[in-house]
Amino acid sequence: MVLGLDGVPFTLIGEFVARGILPNLARILSQGFRLKQMDASVPEVSSTSWTSFMTGVNPGEHGIYGFLELNPDT
């Protein structure tokens, strides 16, 4: 199982677990699960990074570069 926590710095999650702010996540981690920082793709946009994660290919191969289709002339 993969639990993705998007939009929060990896170091902040660790700090909040250590300070007791995320007790449920701390309980999950105490059962042998671990946190792993996901490397962001370029561009660093959720839709691009998660698509790369799920497909195993980079944005040049899957064609998703963000949430919007941008027109460079506008």
PDB file of N, CA and C in Angstrom:
ATOM      1  N   MET A   1       0.843  -1.155   0.000  1.00  0.00           N
ATOM      2  CA  MET A   1       0.000   0.000   0.000  1.00  0.00           C
ATOM      3  C   MET A   1       0.897   1.228   0.000  1.00  0.00           C
ATOM      4  N   VAL A   2       0.443   2.239  -0.712  1.00  0.00           N
ATOM      5  CA  VAL A   2       1.128   3.527  -0.735  1.00  0.00           C
ATOM      6  C   VAL A   2       0.155   4.570  -0.207  1.00  0.00           C
ATOM      7  N   LEU A   3       0.595   5.311   0.773  1.00  0.00           N
ATOM      8  CA  LEU A   3      -0.175   6.428   1.305  1.00  0.00           C
ATOM      9  C   LEU A   3       0.589   7.685   0.926  1.00  0.00           C
ATOM     10  N   GLY A   4       0.018   8.493   0.059  1.00  0.00           N
ATOM     11  CA  GLY A   4       0.696   9.702  -0.407  1.00  0.00           C
ATOM     12  C   GLY A   4       0.232  10.924   0.341  1.00  0.00           C
ATOM     13  N   LEU A   5       1.163  11.620   0.951  1.00  0.00           N
ATOM     14  CA  LEU A   5       0.873  12.887   1.626  1.00  0.00           C
ATOM     15  C   LEU A   5       1.465  13.982   0.758  1.00  0.00           C
ATOM     16  N   ASP A   6       0.623  14.634   0.004  1.00  0.00           N
ATOM     17  CA  ASP A   6       1.059  15.596  -0.995  1.00  0.00           C
ATOM     18  C   ASP A   6       0.985  17.016  -0.434  1.00  0.00           C
ATOM     19  N   GLY A   7       1.971  17.812  -0.786  1.00  0.00           N
ATOM     20  CA  GLY A   7       1.927  19.227  -0.446  1.00  0.00           C
ATOM     21  C   GLY A   7       2.474  19.567   0.929  1.00  0.00           C
ATOM     22  N   VAL A   8       3.216  18.668   1.529  1.00  0.00           N
ATOM     23  CA  VAL A   8       3.817  18.941   2.842  1.00  0.00           C
ATOM     24  C   VAL A   8       5.272  18.494   2.789  1.00  0.00           C
ATOM     25  N   PRO A   9       6.178  19.314   3.313  1.00  0.00           N
ATOM     26  CA  PRO A   9       7.593  18.914   3.307  1.00  0.00           C
ATOM     27  C   PRO A   9       7.823  17.634   4.115  1.00  0.00           C
ATOM     28  N   PHE A  10       8.647  16.765   3.584  1.00  0.00           N
ATOM     29  CA  PHE A  10       8.979  15.491   4.225  1.00  0.00           C
ATOM     30  C   PHE A  10       9.503  15.718   5.646  1.00  0.00           C
ATOM     31  N   THR A  11      10.366  16.708   5.820  1.00  0.00           N
ATOM     32  CA  THR A  11      10.952  16.979   7.138  1.00  0.00           C
ATOM     33  C   THR A  11       9.894  17.426   8.140  1.00  0.00           C
ATOM     34  N   LEU A  12       8.864  18.124   7.663  1.00  0.00           N
ATOM     35  CA  LEU A  12       7.804  18.580   8.563  1.00  0.00           C
ATOM     36  C   LEU A  12       6.970  17.402   9.071  1.00  0.00           C
ATOM     37  N   ILE A  13       6.725  16.427   8.219  1.00  0.00           N
ATOM     38  CA  ILE A  13       5.990  15.236   8.659  1.00  0.00           C
ATOM     39  C   ILE A  13       6.759  14.535   9.768  1.00  0.00           C
ATOM     40  N   GLY A  14       8.065  14.341   9.571  1.00  0.00           N
ATOM     41  CA  GLY A  14       8.891  13.710  10.607  1.00  0.00           C
ATOM     42  C   GLY A  14       8.876  14.485  11.910  1.00  0.00           C
ATOM     43  N   GLU A  15       8.962  15.801  11.789  1.00  0.00           N
ATOM     44  CA  GLU A  15       8.931  16.642  12.996  1.00  0.00           C
ATOM     45  C   GLU A  15       7.589  16.525  13.710  1.00  0.00           C
ATOM     46  N   PHE A  16       6.497  16.553  12.966  1.00  0.00           N
ATOM     47  CA  PHE A  16       5.168  16.463  13.577  1.00  0.00           C
ATOM     48  C   PHE A  16       4.930  15.095  14.209  1.00  0.00           C
ATOM     49  N   VAL A  17       5.456  14.041  13.608  1.00  0.00           N
ATOM     50  CA  VAL A  17       5.351  12.711  14.219  1.00  0.00           C
ATOM     51  C   VAL A  17       6.110  12.708  15.542  1.00  0.00           C
ATOM     52  N   ALA A  18       7.337  13.242  15.535  1.00  0.00           N
ATOM     53  CA  ALA A  18       8.168  13.265  16.744  1.00  0.00           C
ATOM     54  C   ALA A  18       7.542  14.103  17.854  1.00  0.00           C
ATOM     55  N   ARG A  19       6.854  15.175  17.507  1.00  0.00           N
ATOM     56  CA  ARG A  19       6.238  16.064  18.506  1.00  0.00           C
ATOM     57  C   ARG A  19       4.862  15.596  18.959  1.00  0.00           C
ATOM     58  N   GLY A  20       4.357  14.521  18.367  1.00  0.00           N
ATOM     59  CA  GLY A  20       3.057  13.995  18.777  1.00  0.00           C
ATOM     60  C   GLY A  20       1.873  14.674  18.114  1.00  0.00           C
ATOM     61  N   ILE A  21       2.127  15.470  17.093  1.00  0.00           N
ATOM     62  CA  ILE A  21       1.048  16.174  16.399  1.00  0.00           C
ATOM     63  C   ILE A  21       0.314  15.243  15.443  1.00  0.00           C
ATOM     64  N   LEU A  22       1.006  14.205  14.961  1.00  0.00           N
ATOM     65  CA  LEU A  22       0.392  13.223  14.059  1.00  0.00           C
ATOM     66  C   LEU A  22       0.414  11.844  14.728  1.00  0.00           C
ATOM     67  N   PRO A  23      -0.393  11.654  15.781  1.00  0.00           N
ATOM     68  CA  PRO A  23      -0.332  10.400  16.536  1.00  0.00           C
ATOM     69  C   PRO A  23      -0.753   9.180  15.719  1.00  0.00           C
ATOM     70  N   ASN A  24      -1.696   9.316  14.811  1.00  0.00           N
ATOM     71  CA  ASN A  24      -2.122   8.163  14.016  1.00  0.00           C
ATOM     72  C   ASN A  24      -1.026   7.721  13.055  1.00  0.00           C
ATOM     73  N   LEU A  25      -0.337   8.675  12.461  1.00  0.00           N
ATOM     74  CA  LEU A  25       0.780   8.327  11.593  1.00  0.00           C
ATOM     75  C   LEU A  25       1.912   7.718  12.414  1.00  0.00           C
ATOM     76  N   ALA A  26       2.143   8.235  13.609  1.00  0.00           N
ATOM     77  CA  ALA A  26       3.162   7.659  14.492  1.00  0.00           C
ATOM     78  C   ALA A  26       2.830   6.206  14.827  1.00  0.00           C
ATOM     79  N   ARG A  27       1.554   5.912  15.049  1.00  0.00           N
ATOM     80  CA  ARG A  27       1.135   4.543  15.347  1.00  0.00           C
ATOM     81  C   ARG A  27       1.375   3.631  14.148  1.00  0.00           C
ATOM     82  N   ILE A  28       1.079   4.116  12.949  1.00  0.00           N
ATOM     83  CA  ILE A  28       1.340   3.332  11.732  1.00  0.00           C
ATOM     84  C   ILE A  28       2.835   3.047  11.604  1.00  0.00           C
ATOM     85  N   LEU A  29       3.663   4.064  11.826  1.00  0.00           N
ATOM     86  CA  LEU A  29       5.110   3.894  11.700  1.00  0.00           C
ATOM     87  C   LEU A  29       5.664   2.964  12.773  1.00  0.00           C
ATOM     88  N   SER A  30       5.035   2.917  13.928  1.00  0.00           N
ATOM     89  CA  SER A  30       5.507   2.045  15.007  1.00  0.00           C
ATOM     90  C   SER A  30       5.254   0.569  14.691  1.00  0.00           C
ATOM     91  N   GLN A  31       4.449   0.299  13.678  1.00  0.00           N
ATOM     92  CA  GLN A  31       4.130  -1.076  13.296  1.00  0.00           C
ATOM     93  C   GLN A  31       5.039  -1.585  12.181  1.00  0.00           C
ATOM     94  N   GLY A  32       6.144  -0.888  11.948  1.00  0.00           N
ATOM     95  CA  GLY A  32       7.115  -1.356  10.964  1.00  0.00           C
ATOM     96  C   GLY A  32       7.045  -0.682   9.609  1.00  0.00           C
ATOM     97  N   PHE A  33       6.088   0.184   9.412  1.00  0.00           N
ATOM     98  CA  PHE A  33       6.015   0.925   8.156  1.00  0.00           C
ATOM     99  C   PHE A  33       7.009   2.079   8.222  1.00  0.00           C
ATOM    100  N   ARG A  34       7.327   2.653   7.066  1.00  0.00           N
ATOM    101  CA  ARG A  34       8.303   3.740   7.081  1.00  0.00           C
ATOM    102  C   ARG A  34       7.909   4.841   6.119  1.00  0.00           C
ATOM    103  N   LEU A  35       8.467   6.011   6.372  1.00  0.00           N
ATOM    104  CA  LEU A  35       8.280   7.147   5.477  1.00  0.00           C
ATOM    105  C   LEU A  35       9.358   7.116   4.414  1.00  0.00           C
ATOM    106  N   LYS A  36       8.999   7.489   3.215  1.00  0.00           N
ATOM    107  CA  LYS A  36       9.952   7.566   2.116  1.00  0.00           C
ATOM    108  C   LYS A  36       9.652   8.826   1.333  1.00  0.00           C
ATOM    109  N   GLN A  37      10.654   9.658   1.169  1.00  0.00           N
ATOM    110  CA  GLN A  37      10.460  10.886   0.411  1.00  0.00           C
ATOM    111  C   GLN A  37      10.451  10.563  -1.084  1.00  0.00           C
ATOM    112  N   MET A  38       9.441  11.069  -1.762  1.00  0.00           N
ATOM    113  CA  MET A  38       9.337  10.882  -3.201  1.00  0.00           C
ATOM    114  C   MET A  38      10.083  12.008  -3.895  1.00  0.00           C
ATOM    115  N   ASP A  39      10.917  11.666  -4.849  1.00  0.00           N
ATOM    116  CA  ASP A  39      11.592  12.692  -5.631  1.00  0.00           C
ATOM    117  C   ASP A  39      10.587  13.300  -6.601  1.00  0.00           C
ATOM    118  N   ALA A  40      10.556  14.616  -6.619  1.00  0.00           N
ATOM    119  CA  ALA A  40       9.643  15.308  -7.522  1.00  0.00           C
ATOM    120  C   ALA A  40      10.179  15.267  -8.943  1.00  0.00           C
ATOM    121  N   SER A  41       9.255  15.253  -9.874  1.00  0.00           N
ATOM    122  CA  SER A  41       9.654  15.334 -11.268  1.00  0.00           C
ATOM    123  C   SER A  41       9.795  16.797 -11.655  1.00  0.00           C
ATOM    124  N   VAL A  42      10.220  17.038 -12.849  1.00  0.00           N
ATOM    125  CA  VAL A  42      10.310  18.410 -13.358  1.00  0.00           C
ATOM    126  C   VAL A  42       9.299  18.524 -14.484  1.00  0.00           C
ATOM    127  N   PRO A  43       8.340  19.438 -14.369  1.00  0.00           N
ATOM    128  CA  PRO A  43       8.167  20.430 -13.317  1.00  0.00           C
ATOM    129  C   PRO A  43       7.639  19.801 -12.026  1.00  0.00           C
ATOM    130  N   GLU A  44       7.899  20.481 -10.911  1.00  0.00           N
ATOM    131  CA  GLU A  44       7.481  19.978  -9.594  1.00  0.00           C
ATOM    132  C   GLU A  44       6.005  20.287  -9.365  1.00  0.00           C
ATOM    133  N   VAL A  45       5.161  19.521 -10.005  1.00  0.00           N
ATOM    134  CA  VAL A  45       3.713  19.675  -9.922  1.00  0.00           C
ATOM    135  C   VAL A  45       3.141  18.313  -9.569  1.00  0.00           C
ATOM    136  N   SER A  46       2.140  18.301  -8.709  1.00  0.00           N
ATOM    137  CA  SER A  46       1.571  17.034  -8.240  1.00  0.00           C
ATOM    138  C   SER A  46       1.128  16.128  -9.371  1.00  0.00           C
ATOM    139  N   SER A  47       0.422  16.671 -10.338  1.00  0.00           N
ATOM    140  CA  SER A  47      -0.089  15.824 -11.421  1.00  0.00           C
ATOM    141  C   SER A  47       1.042  15.181 -12.208  1.00  0.00           C
ATOM    142  N   THR A  48       2.129  15.891 -12.379  1.00  0.00           N
ATOM    143  CA  THR A  48       3.285  15.359 -13.095  1.00  0.00           C
ATOM    144  C   THR A  48       4.006  14.306 -12.253  1.00  0.00           C
ATOM    145  N   SER A  49       4.251  14.620 -10.991  1.00  0.00           N
ATOM    146  CA  SER A  49       4.980  13.701 -10.117  1.00  0.00           C
ATOM    147  C   SER A  49       4.220  12.402  -9.886  1.00  0.00           C
ATOM    148  N   TRP A  50       2.924  12.486  -9.600  1.00  0.00           N
ATOM    149  CA  TRP A  50       2.157  11.277  -9.329  1.00  0.00           C
ATOM    150  C   TRP A  50       1.987  10.420 -10.581  1.00  0.00           C
ATOM    151  N   THR A  51       1.859  11.054 -11.732  1.00  0.00           N
ATOM    152  CA  THR A  51       1.765  10.281 -12.970  1.00  0.00           C
ATOM    153  C   THR A  51       3.076   9.558 -13.245  1.00  0.00           C
ATOM    154  N   SER A  52       4.199  10.231 -12.996  1.00  0.00           N
ATOM    155  CA  SER A  52       5.506   9.587 -13.163  1.00  0.00           C
ATOM    156  C   SER A  52       5.653   8.423 -12.195  1.00  0.00           C
ATOM    157  N   PHE A  53       5.221   8.614 -10.962  1.00  0.00           N
ATOM    158  CA  PHE A  53       5.275   7.555  -9.956  1.00  0.00           C
ATOM    159  C   PHE A  53       4.465   6.337 -10.394  1.00  0.00           C
ATOM    160  N   MET A  54       3.257   6.580 -10.872  1.00  0.00           N
ATOM    161  CA  MET A  54       2.356   5.475 -11.214  1.00  0.00           C
ATOM    162  C   MET A  54       2.745   4.760 -12.511  1.00  0.00           C
ATOM    163  N   THR A  55       3.341   5.498 -13.446  1.00  0.00           N
ATOM    164  CA  THR A  55       3.660   4.885 -14.737  1.00  0.00           C
ATOM    165  C   THR A  55       5.116   4.434 -14.835  1.00  0.00           C
ATOM    166  N   GLY A  56       5.983   5.027 -14.035  1.00  0.00           N
ATOM    167  CA  GLY A  56       7.400   4.699 -14.100  1.00  0.00           C
ATOM    168  C   GLY A  56       8.137   5.373 -15.239  1.00  0.00           C
ATOM    169  N   VAL A  57       7.495   6.341 -15.865  1.00  0.00           N
ATOM    170  CA  VAL A  57       8.150   7.076 -16.949  1.00  0.00           C
ATOM    171  C   VAL A  57       8.129   8.573 -16.657  1.00  0.00           C
ATOM    172  N   ASN A  58       8.971   9.312 -17.343  1.00  0.00           N
ATOM    173  CA  ASN A  58       9.073  10.750 -17.088  1.00  0.00           C
ATOM    174  C   ASN A  58       8.016  11.525 -17.886  1.00  0.00           C
ATOM    175  N   PRO A  59       7.862  12.832 -17.579  1.00  0.00           N
ATOM    176  CA  PRO A  59       6.842  13.625 -18.265  1.00  0.00           C
ATOM    177  C   PRO A  59       6.982  13.637 -19.787  1.00  0.00           C
ATOM    178  N   GLY A  60       8.208  13.561 -20.291  1.00  0.00           N
ATOM    179  CA  GLY A  60       8.391  13.520 -21.731  1.00  0.00           C
ATOM    180  C   GLY A  60       7.775  12.282 -22.360  1.00  0.00           C
ATOM    181  N   GLU A  61       7.641  11.223 -21.565  1.00  0.00           N
ATOM    182  CA  GLU A  61       7.048   9.984 -22.076  1.00  0.00           C
ATOM    183  C   GLU A  61       5.545   9.906 -21.828  1.00  0.00           C
ATOM    184  N   HIS A  62       5.078  10.377 -20.651  1.00  0.00           N
ATOM    185  CA  HIS A  62       3.632  10.291 -20.398  1.00  0.00           C
ATOM    186  C   HIS A  62       2.870  11.534 -20.837  1.00  0.00           C
ATOM    187  N   GLY A  63       3.565  12.644 -21.076  1.00  0.00           N
ATOM    188  CA  GLY A  63       2.931  13.824 -21.656  1.00  0.00           C
ATOM    189  C   GLY A  63       2.155  14.714 -20.711  1.00  0.00           C
ATOM    190  N   ILE A  64       2.240  14.477 -19.406  1.00  0.00           N
ATOM    191  CA  ILE A  64       1.526  15.319 -18.443  1.00  0.00           C
ATOM    192  C   ILE A  64       2.543  16.243 -17.780  1.00  0.00           C
ATOM    193  N   TYR A  65       2.310  17.547 -17.924  1.00  0.00           N
ATOM    194  CA  TYR A  65       3.241  18.547 -17.394  1.00  0.00           C
ATOM    195  C   TYR A  65       2.600  19.438 -16.341  1.00  0.00           C
ATOM    196  N   GLY A  66       1.347  19.264 -16.064  1.00  0.00           N
ATOM    197  CA  GLY A  66       0.676  20.079 -15.059  1.00  0.00           C
ATOM    198  C   GLY A  66      -0.820  19.881 -15.132  1.00  0.00           C
ATOM    199  N   PHE A  67      -1.539  20.702 -14.383  1.00  0.00           N
ATOM    200  CA  PHE A  67      -2.992  20.593 -14.328  1.00  0.00           C
ATOM    201  C   PHE A  67      -3.672  21.325 -15.476  1.00  0.00           C
ATOM    202  N   LEU A  68      -2.960  22.263 -16.088  1.00  0.00           N
ATOM    203  CA  LEU A  68      -3.536  23.074 -17.153  1.00  0.00           C
ATOM    204  C   LEU A  68      -2.714  22.931 -18.417  1.00  0.00           C
ATOM    205  N   GLU A  69      -3.355  23.110 -19.538  1.00  0.00           N
ATOM    206  CA  GLU A  69      -2.634  23.160 -20.793  1.00  0.00           C
ATOM    207  C   GLU A  69      -2.288  24.630 -21.042  1.00  0.00           C
ATOM    208  N   LEU A  70      -1.019  24.951 -21.067  1.00  0.00           N
ATOM    209  CA  LEU A  70      -0.586  26.336 -21.198  1.00  0.00           C
ATOM    210  C   LEU A  70      -0.277  26.669 -22.640  1.00  0.00           C
ATOM    211  N   ASN A  71      -0.665  27.856 -23.049  1.00  0.00           N
ATOM    212  CA  ASN A  71      -0.338  28.354 -24.378  1.00  0.00           C
ATOM    213  C   ASN A  71       0.791  29.351 -24.227  1.00  0.00           C
ATOM    214  N   PRO A  72       1.980  29.061 -24.732  1.00  0.00           N
ATOM    215  CA  PRO A  72       3.133  29.945 -24.518  1.00  0.00           C
ATOM    216  C   PRO A  72       2.968  31.327 -25.155  1.00  0.00           C
ATOM    217  N   ASP A  73       2.022  31.511 -26.059  1.00  0.00           N
ATOM    218  CA  ASP A  73       1.835  32.808 -26.721  1.00  0.00           C
ATOM    219  C   ASP A  73       0.876  33.726 -25.976  1.00  0.00           C
ATOM    220  N   THR A  74       0.376  33.294 -24.805  1.00  0.00           N
ATOM    221  CA  THR A  74      -0.574  34.123 -24.066  1.00  0.00           C
ATOM    222  C   THR A  74       0.004  34.580 -22.757  1.00  0.00           C
TER     223      THR A  74
END
